[in-house]
Amino acid sequence: MRFLKGIFLFGITIALCPPATAVTKCVKLYPSNTQCTNVSGNNTLDWSATCTNGGSSIKITGVAGCSSQYGGTTGETRATISSSNNVNYNKYCWCKMTSPAVSQWVYFYFYMGPSATSCAERCASDCSEALKSNTNFINAMFNNLSD
């Protein structure tokens, strides 16, 4: 009887204490009054910026990708982007924040010319530079964030 009572109490404890499956992260990123400086990202896939919002300074990092997928206008977003086996078609610059939160891919620009070399050389730098003044880009980057 004592054994059954112990199993019963153990079962109730398990039922009333579900496992923790999510963590909430609070980061002050308001597109309308965020100022970003100290941007970097030349000839690399990684980019970064230091952004100030309401007196708090936050380091933002991300990745850049040159894709064959046209984005339309600056600030369009996608969950995933694709690339072509033909490197010359990968001329569309997409940017993604990876810390302190994860954004969707945000379209920035396309690079003209016979090859995608310009995109590979400039995309990461342009992602961080766009955080300084491009309103459409900033709004898209800071909306719909995940962990």
N, C-alpha and C. Protein backbone atom coordinates (compact mmCIF):
# COMPACT_ATOMS: atom_id res chain seq x y z
N MET A 1 0.82 -1.18 0.00
CA MET A 1 0.00 0.00 0.00
C MET A 1 0.88 1.27 0.00
N ARG A 2 1.89 1.26 0.86
CA ARG A 2 2.81 2.39 0.93
C ARG A 2 3.51 2.60 -0.42
N PHE A 3 3.89 1.53 -1.10
CA PHE A 3 4.53 1.57 -2.40
C PHE A 3 3.61 2.21 -3.44
N LEU A 4 2.34 1.82 -3.45
CA LEU A 4 1.36 2.38 -4.39
C LEU A 4 1.13 3.86 -4.12
N LYS A 5 1.11 4.25 -2.84
CA LYS A 5 0.92 5.64 -2.48
C LYS A 5 2.10 6.48 -3.00
N GLY A 6 3.32 5.95 -2.89
CA GLY A 6 4.51 6.63 -3.39
C GLY A 6 4.48 6.80 -4.89
N ILE A 7 4.06 5.77 -5.61
CA ILE A 7 3.95 5.86 -7.07
C ILE A 7 2.89 6.89 -7.45
N PHE A 8 1.78 6.91 -6.73
CA PHE A 8 0.70 7.86 -6.99
C PHE A 8 1.21 9.30 -6.81
N LEU A 9 1.92 9.59 -5.72
CA LEU A 9 2.44 10.93 -5.47
C LEU A 9 3.49 11.32 -6.50
N PHE A 10 4.34 10.37 -6.89
CA PHE A 10 5.34 10.62 -7.92
C PHE A 10 4.66 10.98 -9.25
N GLY A 11 3.60 10.26 -9.60
CA GLY A 11 2.86 10.52 -10.83
C GLY A 11 2.23 11.90 -10.83
N ILE A 12 1.67 12.31 -9.70
CA ILE A 12 1.06 13.64 -9.61
C ILE A 12 2.15 14.72 -9.72
N THR A 13 3.28 14.51 -9.08
CA THR A 13 4.38 15.47 -9.15
C THR A 13 4.84 15.67 -10.59
N ILE A 14 4.99 14.58 -11.32
CA ILE A 14 5.40 14.67 -12.72
C ILE A 14 4.34 15.41 -13.54
N ALA A 15 3.08 15.14 -13.30
CA ALA A 15 2.00 15.77 -14.07
C ALA A 15 1.91 17.27 -13.78
N LEU A 16 2.20 17.68 -12.55
CA LEU A 16 2.06 19.08 -12.18
C LEU A 16 3.31 19.91 -12.46
N CYS A 17 4.41 19.29 -12.77
CA CYS A 17 5.68 20.00 -13.02
C CYS A 17 6.18 19.70 -14.42
N PRO A 18 5.60 20.34 -15.43
CA PRO A 18 6.07 20.08 -16.79
C PRO A 18 7.48 20.61 -16.97
N PRO A 19 8.24 20.01 -17.88
CA PRO A 19 9.61 20.47 -18.11
C PRO A 19 9.64 21.85 -18.75
N ALA A 20 10.69 22.60 -18.48
CA ALA A 20 10.86 23.91 -19.10
C ALA A 20 11.31 23.69 -20.54
N THR A 21 10.59 24.29 -21.49
CA THR A 21 10.93 24.09 -22.90
C THR A 21 11.26 25.38 -23.62
N ALA A 22 11.07 26.53 -22.96
CA ALA A 22 11.34 27.79 -23.64
C ALA A 22 11.96 28.77 -22.66
N VAL A 23 12.77 29.66 -23.21
CA VAL A 23 13.40 30.70 -22.42
C VAL A 23 13.10 32.01 -23.12
N THR A 24 12.76 33.02 -22.35
CA THR A 24 12.50 34.32 -22.92
C THR A 24 13.72 35.19 -22.77
N LYS A 25 14.11 35.85 -23.85
CA LYS A 25 15.25 36.75 -23.84
C LYS A 25 14.73 38.14 -24.13
N CYS A 26 15.06 39.08 -23.28
CA CYS A 26 14.63 40.47 -23.48
C CYS A 26 15.80 41.29 -23.99
N VAL A 27 15.62 41.87 -25.15
CA VAL A 27 16.65 42.70 -25.76
C VAL A 27 15.97 43.96 -26.24
N LYS A 28 16.52 45.12 -25.89
CA LYS A 28 15.95 46.39 -26.32
C LYS A 28 16.38 46.69 -27.74
N LEU A 29 15.56 46.32 -28.70
CA LEU A 29 15.82 46.64 -30.10
C LEU A 29 14.54 47.23 -30.69
N TYR A 30 14.45 48.53 -30.69
CA TYR A 30 13.30 49.21 -31.26
C TYR A 30 13.77 49.90 -32.54
N PRO A 31 13.28 49.48 -33.67
CA PRO A 31 13.78 50.03 -34.93
C PRO A 31 13.73 51.54 -35.03
N SER A 32 12.71 52.16 -34.44
CA SER A 32 12.54 53.60 -34.63
C SER A 32 13.59 54.45 -33.92
N ASN A 33 14.19 53.96 -32.85
CA ASN A 33 15.18 54.80 -32.17
C ASN A 33 16.47 54.06 -31.85
N THR A 34 16.88 53.16 -32.72
CA THR A 34 18.14 52.45 -32.57
C THR A 34 19.18 53.11 -33.47
N GLN A 35 20.34 53.42 -32.91
CA GLN A 35 21.44 54.00 -33.67
C GLN A 35 22.59 53.00 -33.69
N CYS A 36 23.04 52.63 -34.87
CA CYS A 36 24.12 51.65 -34.99
C CYS A 36 25.40 52.30 -35.52
N THR A 37 26.52 51.91 -34.92
CA THR A 37 27.84 52.42 -35.30
C THR A 37 28.83 51.26 -35.24
N ASN A 38 30.10 51.56 -35.40
CA ASN A 38 31.17 50.55 -35.31
C ASN A 38 30.83 49.31 -36.14
N VAL A 39 30.50 49.52 -37.38
CA VAL A 39 30.12 48.42 -38.26
C VAL A 39 31.35 47.80 -38.89
N SER A 40 31.26 46.50 -39.19
CA SER A 40 32.39 45.82 -39.83
C SER A 40 31.89 44.66 -40.67
N GLY A 41 32.74 44.21 -41.59
CA GLY A 41 32.38 43.06 -42.40
C GLY A 41 32.94 43.03 -43.80
N ASN A 42 34.15 43.48 -44.04
CA ASN A 42 34.73 43.45 -45.39
C ASN A 42 35.30 42.09 -45.74
N ASN A 43 35.01 41.61 -46.96
CA ASN A 43 35.55 40.36 -47.49
C ASN A 43 35.38 39.17 -46.54
N THR A 44 34.23 39.07 -45.94
CA THR A 44 33.94 38.01 -45.00
C THR A 44 32.45 37.69 -45.05
N LEU A 45 32.04 36.62 -44.43
CA LEU A 45 30.62 36.30 -44.34
C LEU A 45 29.99 36.88 -43.09
N ASP A 46 30.80 37.23 -42.10
CA ASP A 46 30.30 37.75 -40.83
C ASP A 46 30.28 39.26 -40.83
N TRP A 47 29.30 39.82 -40.14
CA TRP A 47 29.25 41.26 -39.97
C TRP A 47 28.86 41.57 -38.53
N SER A 48 29.12 42.79 -38.09
CA SER A 48 28.73 43.20 -36.74
C SER A 48 28.49 44.69 -36.70
N ALA A 49 27.79 45.11 -35.66
CA ALA A 49 27.53 46.52 -35.41
C ALA A 49 27.25 46.69 -33.93
N THR A 50 27.55 47.85 -33.41
CA THR A 50 27.19 48.19 -32.04
C THR A 50 26.02 49.15 -32.13
N CYS A 51 24.91 48.76 -31.52
CA CYS A 51 23.70 49.56 -31.62
C CYS A 51 23.30 50.07 -30.23
N THR A 52 22.88 51.33 -30.19
CA THR A 52 22.46 51.96 -28.94
C THR A 52 20.97 52.22 -29.02
N ASN A 53 20.30 51.89 -27.93
CA ASN A 53 18.86 52.08 -27.87
C ASN A 53 18.49 52.42 -26.43
N GLY A 54 18.01 53.63 -26.21
CA GLY A 54 17.62 54.03 -24.87
C GLY A 54 18.76 53.99 -23.87
N GLY A 55 19.97 54.30 -24.31
CA GLY A 55 21.11 54.31 -23.42
C GLY A 55 21.83 52.99 -23.30
N SER A 56 21.22 51.90 -23.75
CA SER A 56 21.87 50.58 -23.69
C SER A 56 22.63 50.34 -24.98
N SER A 57 23.83 49.79 -24.86
CA SER A 57 24.64 49.47 -26.02
C SER A 57 24.62 47.95 -26.22
N ILE A 58 24.29 47.51 -27.44
CA ILE A 58 24.14 46.10 -27.74
C ILE A 58 24.97 45.76 -28.96
N LYS A 59 25.81 44.72 -28.86
CA LYS A 59 26.57 44.27 -30.03
C LYS A 59 25.69 43.30 -30.82
N ILE A 60 25.55 43.59 -32.08
CA ILE A 60 24.75 42.76 -32.98
C ILE A 60 25.69 42.09 -33.96
N THR A 61 25.54 40.80 -34.15
CA THR A 61 26.34 40.08 -35.13
C THR A 61 25.42 39.35 -36.09
N GLY A 62 25.96 39.05 -37.26
CA GLY A 62 25.16 38.36 -38.25
C GLY A 62 26.01 37.75 -39.34
N VAL A 63 25.32 37.18 -40.30
CA VAL A 63 25.97 36.57 -41.45
C VAL A 63 25.37 37.16 -42.73
N ALA A 64 26.16 37.12 -43.78
CA ALA A 64 25.72 37.60 -45.08
C ALA A 64 25.73 36.43 -46.05
N GLY A 65 24.86 36.48 -47.00
CA GLY A 65 24.82 35.43 -48.01
C GLY A 65 24.52 35.99 -49.38
N CYS A 66 25.28 35.56 -50.37
CA CYS A 66 25.03 35.94 -51.75
C CYS A 66 24.22 34.82 -52.38
N SER A 67 23.04 35.16 -52.82
CA SER A 67 22.08 34.17 -53.26
C SER A 67 21.69 34.39 -54.71
N SER A 68 21.11 33.37 -55.30
CA SER A 68 20.53 33.49 -56.64
C SER A 68 19.07 33.93 -56.55
N GLN A 69 18.60 34.14 -55.35
CA GLN A 69 17.19 34.48 -55.11
C GLN A 69 17.03 35.99 -55.01
N TYR A 70 16.32 36.56 -55.98
CA TYR A 70 16.06 37.99 -56.00
C TYR A 70 15.09 38.34 -54.89
N GLY A 71 15.35 39.45 -54.19
CA GLY A 71 14.52 39.82 -53.05
C GLY A 71 13.52 40.92 -53.30
N GLY A 72 13.53 41.52 -54.48
CA GLY A 72 12.59 42.62 -54.74
C GLY A 72 13.17 43.93 -54.23
N THR A 73 12.60 44.45 -53.15
CA THR A 73 13.08 45.70 -52.59
C THR A 73 13.80 45.44 -51.26
N THR A 74 14.65 46.36 -50.90
CA THR A 74 15.38 46.25 -49.64
C THR A 74 14.39 46.10 -48.49
N GLY A 75 14.64 45.10 -47.64
CA GLY A 75 13.78 44.87 -46.49
C GLY A 75 12.84 43.68 -46.64
N GLU A 76 12.82 43.08 -47.83
CA GLU A 76 12.01 41.86 -47.99
C GLU A 76 12.66 40.76 -47.15
N THR A 77 11.84 39.87 -46.61
CA THR A 77 12.38 38.82 -45.74
C THR A 77 12.00 37.43 -46.24
N ARG A 78 12.85 36.46 -45.90
CA ARG A 78 12.63 35.05 -46.23
C ARG A 78 13.16 34.21 -45.07
N ALA A 79 12.56 33.06 -44.88
CA ALA A 79 13.05 32.12 -43.86
C ALA A 79 14.32 31.45 -44.33
N THR A 80 14.40 31.17 -45.64
CA THR A 80 15.59 30.53 -46.22
C THR A 80 15.90 31.23 -47.54
N ILE A 81 17.15 31.11 -47.96
CA ILE A 81 17.55 31.62 -49.27
C ILE A 81 18.29 30.50 -50.00
N SER A 82 18.33 30.61 -51.32
CA SER A 82 18.97 29.56 -52.12
C SER A 82 20.16 30.13 -52.87
N SER A 83 21.02 29.23 -53.31
CA SER A 83 22.15 29.65 -54.14
C SER A 83 22.20 28.75 -55.37
N SER A 84 22.87 29.24 -56.38
CA SER A 84 22.99 28.53 -57.64
C SER A 84 24.34 27.82 -57.73
N ASN A 85 24.39 26.75 -58.46
CA ASN A 85 25.66 26.10 -58.76
C ASN A 85 26.54 27.00 -59.62
N ASN A 86 25.90 27.87 -60.40
CA ASN A 86 26.63 28.85 -61.20
C ASN A 86 26.85 30.09 -60.34
N VAL A 87 28.05 30.26 -59.86
CA VAL A 87 28.37 31.34 -58.92
C VAL A 87 28.00 32.71 -59.47
N ASN A 88 27.99 32.89 -60.76
CA ASN A 88 27.66 34.19 -61.35
C ASN A 88 26.21 34.60 -61.10
N TYR A 89 25.35 33.67 -60.75
CA TYR A 89 23.96 34.01 -60.46
C TYR A 89 23.75 34.42 -59.00
N ASN A 90 24.75 34.19 -58.16
CA ASN A 90 24.63 34.51 -56.73
C ASN A 90 25.06 35.96 -56.47
N LYS A 91 24.23 36.87 -56.98
CA LYS A 91 24.57 38.29 -56.90
C LYS A 91 23.61 39.09 -56.02
N TYR A 92 22.72 38.42 -55.30
CA TYR A 92 21.74 39.09 -54.46
C TYR A 92 22.16 38.97 -52.99
N CYS A 93 22.35 40.10 -52.35
CA CYS A 93 22.87 40.16 -50.98
C CYS A 93 21.74 40.04 -49.95
N TRP A 94 21.86 39.03 -49.08
CA TRP A 94 20.91 38.79 -47.99
C TRP A 94 21.67 38.83 -46.67
N CYS A 95 21.02 39.31 -45.64
CA CYS A 95 21.65 39.49 -44.33
C CYS A 95 20.79 38.85 -43.25
N LYS A 96 21.44 38.29 -42.25
CA LYS A 96 20.71 37.64 -41.15
C LYS A 96 21.41 37.95 -39.83
N MET A 97 20.65 38.47 -38.86
CA MET A 97 21.19 38.68 -37.53
C MET A 97 21.23 37.33 -36.81
N THR A 98 22.35 37.06 -36.12
CA THR A 98 22.48 35.81 -35.38
C THR A 98 22.57 36.02 -33.87
N SER A 99 22.90 37.23 -33.43
CA SER A 99 22.97 37.51 -32.00
C SER A 99 22.74 39.00 -31.77
N PRO A 100 21.99 39.37 -30.79
CA PRO A 100 21.50 38.65 -29.63
C PRO A 100 20.22 37.86 -29.90
N ALA A 101 19.69 37.98 -31.07
CA ALA A 101 18.51 37.21 -31.46
C ALA A 101 18.72 36.81 -32.92
N VAL A 102 17.84 35.97 -33.43
CA VAL A 102 17.95 35.50 -34.81
C VAL A 102 16.83 36.11 -35.64
N SER A 103 17.21 36.75 -36.73
CA SER A 103 16.22 37.34 -37.64
C SER A 103 16.01 36.40 -38.83
N GLN A 104 15.04 36.74 -39.65
CA GLN A 104 14.91 36.08 -40.94
C GLN A 104 16.00 36.66 -41.85
N TRP A 105 16.18 36.06 -43.01
CA TRP A 105 17.07 36.64 -44.00
C TRP A 105 16.42 37.92 -44.51
N VAL A 106 17.17 39.00 -44.56
CA VAL A 106 16.66 40.30 -45.02
C VAL A 106 17.42 40.67 -46.29
N TYR A 107 16.65 40.97 -47.34
CA TYR A 107 17.26 41.34 -48.62
C TYR A 107 17.79 42.76 -48.55
N PHE A 108 19.03 42.93 -49.06
CA PHE A 108 19.59 44.28 -49.11
C PHE A 108 19.71 44.81 -50.53
N TYR A 109 20.44 44.10 -51.42
CA TYR A 109 20.78 44.70 -52.70
C TYR A 109 21.25 43.63 -53.68
N PHE A 110 21.32 44.00 -54.97
CA PHE A 110 21.94 43.09 -55.95
C PHE A 110 23.12 43.82 -56.58
N TYR A 111 24.10 43.03 -56.99
CA TYR A 111 25.32 43.58 -57.56
C TYR A 111 25.37 43.25 -59.04
N MET A 112 25.51 44.29 -59.86
CA MET A 112 25.56 44.09 -61.31
C MET A 112 26.95 43.68 -61.74
N GLY A 113 27.03 43.16 -62.92
CA GLY A 113 28.32 42.80 -63.47
C GLY A 113 28.31 41.37 -63.98
N PRO A 114 29.39 40.98 -64.60
CA PRO A 114 29.45 39.66 -65.20
C PRO A 114 29.62 38.53 -64.18
N SER A 115 29.97 38.86 -62.93
CA SER A 115 30.16 37.80 -61.94
C SER A 115 29.65 38.26 -60.58
N ALA A 116 29.61 37.34 -59.67
CA ALA A 116 29.12 37.64 -58.32
C ALA A 116 30.23 38.07 -57.38
N THR A 117 31.41 38.37 -57.90
CA THR A 117 32.54 38.74 -57.06
C THR A 117 32.23 39.94 -56.19
N SER A 118 31.56 40.94 -56.73
CA SER A 118 31.23 42.13 -55.95
C SER A 118 30.37 41.78 -54.75
N CYS A 119 29.42 40.88 -54.93
CA CYS A 119 28.56 40.47 -53.82
C CYS A 119 29.39 39.81 -52.73
N ALA A 120 30.24 38.89 -53.11
CA ALA A 120 31.05 38.17 -52.13
C ALA A 120 31.98 39.12 -51.36
N GLU A 121 32.47 40.14 -52.03
CA GLU A 121 33.39 41.08 -51.39
C GLU A 121 32.68 42.10 -50.52
N ARG A 122 31.47 42.49 -50.87
CA ARG A 122 30.84 43.63 -50.22
C ARG A 122 29.60 43.33 -49.39
N CYS A 123 29.00 42.18 -49.53
CA CYS A 123 27.69 41.94 -48.91
C CYS A 123 27.72 42.10 -47.39
N ALA A 124 28.67 41.49 -46.70
CA ALA A 124 28.71 41.58 -45.23
C ALA A 124 28.89 43.02 -44.77
N SER A 125 29.77 43.74 -45.43
CA SER A 125 29.99 45.14 -45.09
C SER A 125 28.72 45.96 -45.32
N ASP A 126 28.04 45.70 -46.43
CA ASP A 126 26.81 46.43 -46.73
C ASP A 126 25.70 46.09 -45.74
N CYS A 127 25.67 44.86 -45.24
CA CYS A 127 24.66 44.48 -44.22
C CYS A 127 24.83 45.35 -42.99
N SER A 128 26.06 45.47 -42.51
CA SER A 128 26.29 46.26 -41.30
C SER A 128 26.07 47.75 -41.56
N GLU A 129 26.47 48.23 -42.72
CA GLU A 129 26.27 49.64 -43.07
C GLU A 129 24.78 49.99 -43.16
N ALA A 130 23.97 49.05 -43.65
CA ALA A 130 22.53 49.29 -43.79
C ALA A 130 21.87 49.52 -42.44
N LEU A 131 22.45 48.97 -41.37
CA LEU A 131 21.89 49.17 -40.03
C LEU A 131 22.03 50.61 -39.56
N LYS A 132 22.89 51.38 -40.21
CA LYS A 132 23.10 52.76 -39.80
C LYS A 132 22.00 53.70 -40.27
N SER A 133 21.37 53.42 -41.42
CA SER A 133 20.46 54.44 -41.94
C SER A 133 19.31 53.93 -42.82
N ASN A 134 19.30 52.67 -43.21
CA ASN A 134 18.26 52.20 -44.13
C ASN A 134 17.04 51.73 -43.34
N THR A 135 16.02 52.56 -43.28
CA THR A 135 14.84 52.31 -42.46
C THR A 135 14.15 51.00 -42.80
N ASN A 136 13.96 50.70 -44.07
CA ASN A 136 13.31 49.44 -44.46
C ASN A 136 14.11 48.23 -43.98
N PHE A 137 15.41 48.32 -44.13
CA PHE A 137 16.30 47.24 -43.71
C PHE A 137 16.25 47.07 -42.18
N ILE A 138 16.36 48.16 -41.46
CA ILE A 138 16.35 48.14 -39.99
C ILE A 138 15.05 47.53 -39.48
N ASN A 139 13.93 47.99 -39.99
CA ASN A 139 12.62 47.46 -39.55
C ASN A 139 12.51 45.96 -39.81
N ALA A 140 12.95 45.53 -40.97
CA ALA A 140 12.88 44.11 -41.30
C ALA A 140 13.81 43.28 -40.42
N MET A 141 14.99 43.80 -40.12
CA MET A 141 15.96 43.07 -39.32
C MET A 141 15.47 42.87 -37.88
N PHE A 142 14.81 43.89 -37.31
CA PHE A 142 14.42 43.84 -35.90
C PHE A 142 13.01 43.31 -35.67
N ASN A 143 12.27 43.01 -36.70
CA ASN A 143 10.92 42.44 -36.54
C ASN A 143 10.98 40.93 -36.69
N ASN A 144 10.06 40.23 -36.03
CA ASN A 144 9.94 38.76 -36.10
C ASN A 144 11.22 38.05 -35.69
N LEU A 145 11.77 38.44 -34.56
CA LEU A 145 13.00 37.81 -34.07
C LEU A 145 12.68 36.51 -33.34
N SER A 146 13.63 35.61 -33.35
CA SER A 146 13.49 34.36 -32.58
C SER A 146 14.78 34.14 -31.80
N ASP A 147 14.81 33.06 -31.05
CA ASP A 147 15.96 32.77 -30.21
C ASP A 147 16.86 31.74 -30.84
